[in-house]
Amino acid sequence: MFKIIIPKATFKELEKIDFQNQKLIYLKIKDLKTGLFTSDKALKGKHKGKFRKRAGNYRIIYLKENDILVITLIRIAHRKEVY
């Protein structure tokens, strides 16, 4: 079980998304909490060390700290503008 940290700025981004996509994103966040990382990709370049989880047309960018089992959500946005 991982602890999920959602910063205030990330939570505000999530609030702006329509309800249907919010439900999908919350399901994906629940997957992160249980440790389901099967289709996640590691990012490259300036985002090296972060990971991406797909939620429909939205992406959840997160940072996983293995030693203490903490996941910090960095950004939740449409795939056109997330990177």
N, C-alpha and C. Protein backbone atom coordinates (compact mmCIF):
# COMPACT_ATOMS: atom_id res chain seq x y z
N MET A 1 0.84 -1.18 0.00
CA MET A 1 0.00 0.00 0.00
C MET A 1 0.89 1.25 0.00
N PHE A 2 0.65 2.13 -0.90
CA PHE A 2 1.40 3.38 -1.00
C PHE A 2 0.58 4.52 -0.42
N LYS A 3 1.24 5.50 0.09
CA LYS A 3 0.58 6.72 0.54
C LYS A 3 0.60 7.70 -0.63
N ILE A 4 -0.55 8.29 -0.95
CA ILE A 4 -0.67 9.23 -2.06
C ILE A 4 -0.72 10.65 -1.52
N ILE A 5 0.15 11.50 -2.02
CA ILE A 5 0.15 12.92 -1.65
C ILE A 5 -0.31 13.73 -2.86
N ILE A 6 -1.36 14.52 -2.67
CA ILE A 6 -1.88 15.36 -3.75
C ILE A 6 -1.70 16.82 -3.33
N PRO A 7 -0.73 17.52 -3.91
CA PRO A 7 -0.54 18.94 -3.59
C PRO A 7 -1.77 19.76 -3.99
N LYS A 8 -1.92 20.90 -3.35
CA LYS A 8 -3.09 21.76 -3.58
C LYS A 8 -3.23 22.16 -5.04
N ALA A 9 -2.14 22.50 -5.71
CA ALA A 9 -2.19 22.92 -7.12
C ALA A 9 -2.68 21.77 -8.00
N THR A 10 -2.25 20.55 -7.73
CA THR A 10 -2.68 19.38 -8.49
C THR A 10 -4.15 19.10 -8.25
N PHE A 11 -4.60 19.26 -7.02
CA PHE A 11 -6.00 19.04 -6.68
C PHE A 11 -6.89 20.06 -7.41
N LYS A 12 -6.42 21.29 -7.53
CA LYS A 12 -7.18 22.32 -8.24
C LYS A 12 -7.29 21.97 -9.73
N GLU A 13 -6.22 21.43 -10.33
CA GLU A 13 -6.28 20.97 -11.72
C GLU A 13 -7.34 19.88 -11.87
N LEU A 14 -7.39 18.99 -10.91
CA LEU A 14 -8.34 17.88 -10.94
C LEU A 14 -9.78 18.39 -10.84
N GLU A 15 -10.00 19.41 -10.03
CA GLU A 15 -11.35 19.96 -9.86
C GLU A 15 -11.89 20.58 -11.16
N LYS A 16 -11.03 21.04 -12.04
CA LYS A 16 -11.45 21.69 -13.28
C LYS A 16 -11.89 20.68 -14.35
N ILE A 17 -11.59 19.41 -14.15
CA ILE A 17 -11.90 18.37 -15.13
C ILE A 17 -13.35 17.93 -14.94
N ASP A 18 -14.00 17.56 -16.06
CA ASP A 18 -15.40 17.14 -15.98
C ASP A 18 -15.56 15.87 -15.14
N PHE A 19 -16.78 15.65 -14.65
CA PHE A 19 -17.06 14.61 -13.66
C PHE A 19 -16.71 13.20 -14.16
N GLN A 20 -17.07 12.87 -15.41
CA GLN A 20 -16.79 11.53 -15.94
C GLN A 20 -15.29 11.23 -15.92
N ASN A 21 -14.49 12.18 -16.36
CA ASN A 21 -13.03 11.97 -16.37
C ASN A 21 -12.47 11.98 -14.96
N GLN A 22 -13.07 12.75 -14.05
CA GLN A 22 -12.63 12.74 -12.65
C GLN A 22 -12.79 11.35 -12.06
N LYS A 23 -13.90 10.69 -12.34
CA LYS A 23 -14.12 9.34 -11.81
C LYS A 23 -13.06 8.38 -12.32
N LEU A 24 -12.73 8.48 -13.61
CA LEU A 24 -11.69 7.63 -14.18
C LEU A 24 -10.33 7.91 -13.53
N ILE A 25 -10.03 9.18 -13.34
CA ILE A 25 -8.75 9.56 -12.73
C ILE A 25 -8.67 9.05 -11.29
N TYR A 26 -9.77 9.15 -10.54
CA TYR A 26 -9.77 8.64 -9.17
C TYR A 26 -9.56 7.12 -9.14
N LEU A 27 -10.11 6.41 -10.12
CA LEU A 27 -9.87 4.96 -10.19
C LEU A 27 -8.38 4.67 -10.43
N LYS A 28 -7.77 5.47 -11.31
CA LYS A 28 -6.34 5.27 -11.60
C LYS A 28 -5.47 5.63 -10.38
N ILE A 29 -5.89 6.65 -9.63
CA ILE A 29 -5.16 7.00 -8.41
C ILE A 29 -5.28 5.87 -7.39
N LYS A 30 -6.45 5.25 -7.35
CA LYS A 30 -6.64 4.10 -6.45
C LYS A 30 -5.72 2.96 -6.85
N ASP A 31 -5.52 2.76 -8.18
CA ASP A 31 -4.57 1.75 -8.65
C ASP A 31 -3.16 2.06 -8.17
N LEU A 32 -2.79 3.34 -8.22
CA LEU A 32 -1.47 3.74 -7.72
C LEU A 32 -1.33 3.40 -6.24
N LYS A 33 -2.38 3.65 -5.48
CA LYS A 33 -2.33 3.41 -4.04
C LYS A 33 -2.11 1.93 -3.73
N THR A 34 -2.70 1.06 -4.54
CA THR A 34 -2.54 -0.38 -4.31
C THR A 34 -1.25 -0.94 -4.91
N GLY A 35 -0.56 -0.13 -5.72
CA GLY A 35 0.71 -0.57 -6.29
C GLY A 35 0.60 -1.18 -7.66
N LEU A 36 -0.46 -0.87 -8.40
CA LEU A 36 -0.65 -1.38 -9.75
C LEU A 36 -0.01 -0.41 -10.75
N PHE A 37 1.22 -0.75 -11.22
CA PHE A 37 1.98 0.12 -12.11
C PHE A 37 2.20 -0.52 -13.47
N THR A 38 1.33 -1.43 -13.90
CA THR A 38 1.58 -2.27 -15.08
C THR A 38 1.79 -1.48 -16.37
N SER A 39 0.94 -0.52 -16.68
CA SER A 39 1.07 0.16 -17.98
C SER A 39 1.68 1.56 -17.86
N ASP A 40 2.29 1.85 -16.73
CA ASP A 40 2.89 3.17 -16.52
C ASP A 40 4.23 3.25 -17.23
N LYS A 41 4.56 4.46 -17.69
CA LYS A 41 5.82 4.67 -18.39
C LYS A 41 6.70 5.64 -17.62
N ALA A 42 8.00 5.38 -17.65
CA ALA A 42 8.96 6.32 -17.08
C ALA A 42 9.15 7.45 -18.09
N LEU A 43 9.21 8.67 -17.61
CA LEU A 43 9.41 9.82 -18.49
C LEU A 43 10.89 10.06 -18.71
N LYS A 44 11.20 10.76 -19.79
CA LYS A 44 12.59 11.04 -20.16
C LYS A 44 12.83 12.54 -20.18
N GLY A 45 14.06 12.92 -20.43
CA GLY A 45 14.40 14.34 -20.56
C GLY A 45 14.32 15.07 -19.23
N LYS A 46 13.71 16.26 -19.26
CA LYS A 46 13.67 17.07 -18.05
C LYS A 46 12.75 16.48 -16.98
N HIS A 47 11.92 15.50 -17.36
CA HIS A 47 11.02 14.85 -16.41
C HIS A 47 11.55 13.49 -15.94
N LYS A 48 12.82 13.25 -16.14
CA LYS A 48 13.43 11.97 -15.77
C LYS A 48 13.21 11.70 -14.28
N GLY A 49 12.84 10.48 -13.96
CA GLY A 49 12.58 10.09 -12.58
C GLY A 49 11.10 10.11 -12.23
N LYS A 50 10.29 10.68 -13.11
CA LYS A 50 8.84 10.72 -12.90
C LYS A 50 8.18 9.67 -13.79
N PHE A 51 6.94 9.35 -13.48
CA PHE A 51 6.21 8.35 -14.24
C PHE A 51 4.88 8.92 -14.72
N ARG A 52 4.30 8.24 -15.71
CA ARG A 52 3.05 8.67 -16.30
C ARG A 52 2.05 7.53 -16.25
N LYS A 53 0.84 7.84 -15.83
CA LYS A 53 -0.27 6.87 -15.86
C LYS A 53 -1.36 7.45 -16.74
N ARG A 54 -1.87 6.66 -17.68
CA ARG A 54 -2.93 7.10 -18.58
C ARG A 54 -4.28 6.96 -17.91
N ALA A 55 -5.13 7.97 -18.11
CA ALA A 55 -6.51 7.94 -17.65
C ALA A 55 -7.35 8.55 -18.77
N GLY A 56 -7.66 7.76 -19.78
CA GLY A 56 -8.37 8.28 -20.95
C GLY A 56 -7.49 9.26 -21.70
N ASN A 57 -7.99 10.48 -21.91
CA ASN A 57 -7.21 11.52 -22.58
C ASN A 57 -6.39 12.34 -21.60
N TYR A 58 -6.40 11.96 -20.33
CA TYR A 58 -5.66 12.69 -19.31
C TYR A 58 -4.47 11.86 -18.86
N ARG A 59 -3.49 12.55 -18.33
CA ARG A 59 -2.29 11.89 -17.82
C ARG A 59 -2.06 12.29 -16.38
N ILE A 60 -1.66 11.32 -15.58
CA ILE A 60 -1.31 11.57 -14.18
C ILE A 60 0.21 11.44 -14.11
N ILE A 61 0.87 12.52 -13.79
CA ILE A 61 2.33 12.52 -13.65
C ILE A 61 2.63 12.40 -12.16
N TYR A 62 3.46 11.42 -11.82
CA TYR A 62 3.74 11.19 -10.40
C TYR A 62 5.20 10.83 -10.17
N LEU A 63 5.60 10.97 -8.93
CA LEU A 63 6.95 10.67 -8.48
C LEU A 63 6.84 9.57 -7.44
N LYS A 64 7.52 8.47 -7.65
CA LYS A 64 7.45 7.32 -6.73
C LYS A 64 8.74 7.25 -5.93
N GLU A 65 8.59 7.25 -4.62
CA GLU A 65 9.75 7.13 -3.73
C GLU A 65 9.71 5.74 -3.11
N ASN A 66 10.56 4.84 -3.61
CA ASN A 66 10.50 3.43 -3.24
C ASN A 66 10.77 3.16 -1.77
N ASP A 67 11.72 3.84 -1.19
CA ASP A 67 12.14 3.52 0.17
C ASP A 67 11.02 3.70 1.20
N ILE A 68 10.22 4.74 1.02
CA ILE A 68 9.20 5.03 2.04
C ILE A 68 7.77 4.85 1.54
N LEU A 69 7.60 4.26 0.34
CA LEU A 69 6.28 3.97 -0.23
C LEU A 69 5.37 5.19 -0.29
N VAL A 70 5.87 6.27 -0.87
CA VAL A 70 5.10 7.50 -1.04
C VAL A 70 5.03 7.83 -2.53
N ILE A 71 3.84 8.18 -2.99
CA ILE A 71 3.67 8.65 -4.36
C ILE A 71 3.14 10.07 -4.30
N THR A 72 3.86 10.99 -4.93
CA THR A 72 3.43 12.39 -4.98
C THR A 72 2.93 12.68 -6.38
N LEU A 73 1.68 13.10 -6.49
CA LEU A 73 1.13 13.46 -7.78
C LEU A 73 1.66 14.83 -8.16
N ILE A 74 2.26 14.95 -9.32
CA ILE A 74 2.87 16.19 -9.77
C ILE A 74 1.87 17.01 -10.58
N ARG A 75 1.17 16.36 -11.51
CA ARG A 75 0.30 17.09 -12.41
C ARG A 75 -0.76 16.16 -12.96
N ILE A 76 -1.98 16.68 -13.13
CA ILE A 76 -3.06 15.97 -13.81
C ILE A 76 -3.60 16.93 -14.85
N ALA A 77 -3.46 16.58 -16.12
CA ALA A 77 -3.89 17.48 -17.19
C ALA A 77 -4.17 16.68 -18.45
N HIS A 78 -4.80 17.34 -19.42
CA HIS A 78 -5.06 16.71 -20.71
C HIS A 78 -3.74 16.37 -21.38
N ARG A 79 -3.75 15.32 -22.15
CA ARG A 79 -2.50 14.85 -22.74
C ARG A 79 -1.85 15.86 -23.66
N LYS A 80 -2.60 16.83 -24.21
CA LYS A 80 -2.02 17.86 -25.07
C LYS A 80 -1.15 18.84 -24.29
N GLU A 81 -1.47 19.05 -23.03
CA GLU A 81 -0.79 20.09 -22.27
C GLU A 81 -0.02 19.62 -21.04
N VAL A 82 0.04 18.33 -20.81
CA VAL A 82 0.64 17.85 -19.57
C VAL A 82 2.17 17.95 -19.55
N TYR A 83 2.83 17.79 -20.70
CA TYR A 83 4.29 17.80 -20.72
C TYR A 83 4.73 19.19 -20.99
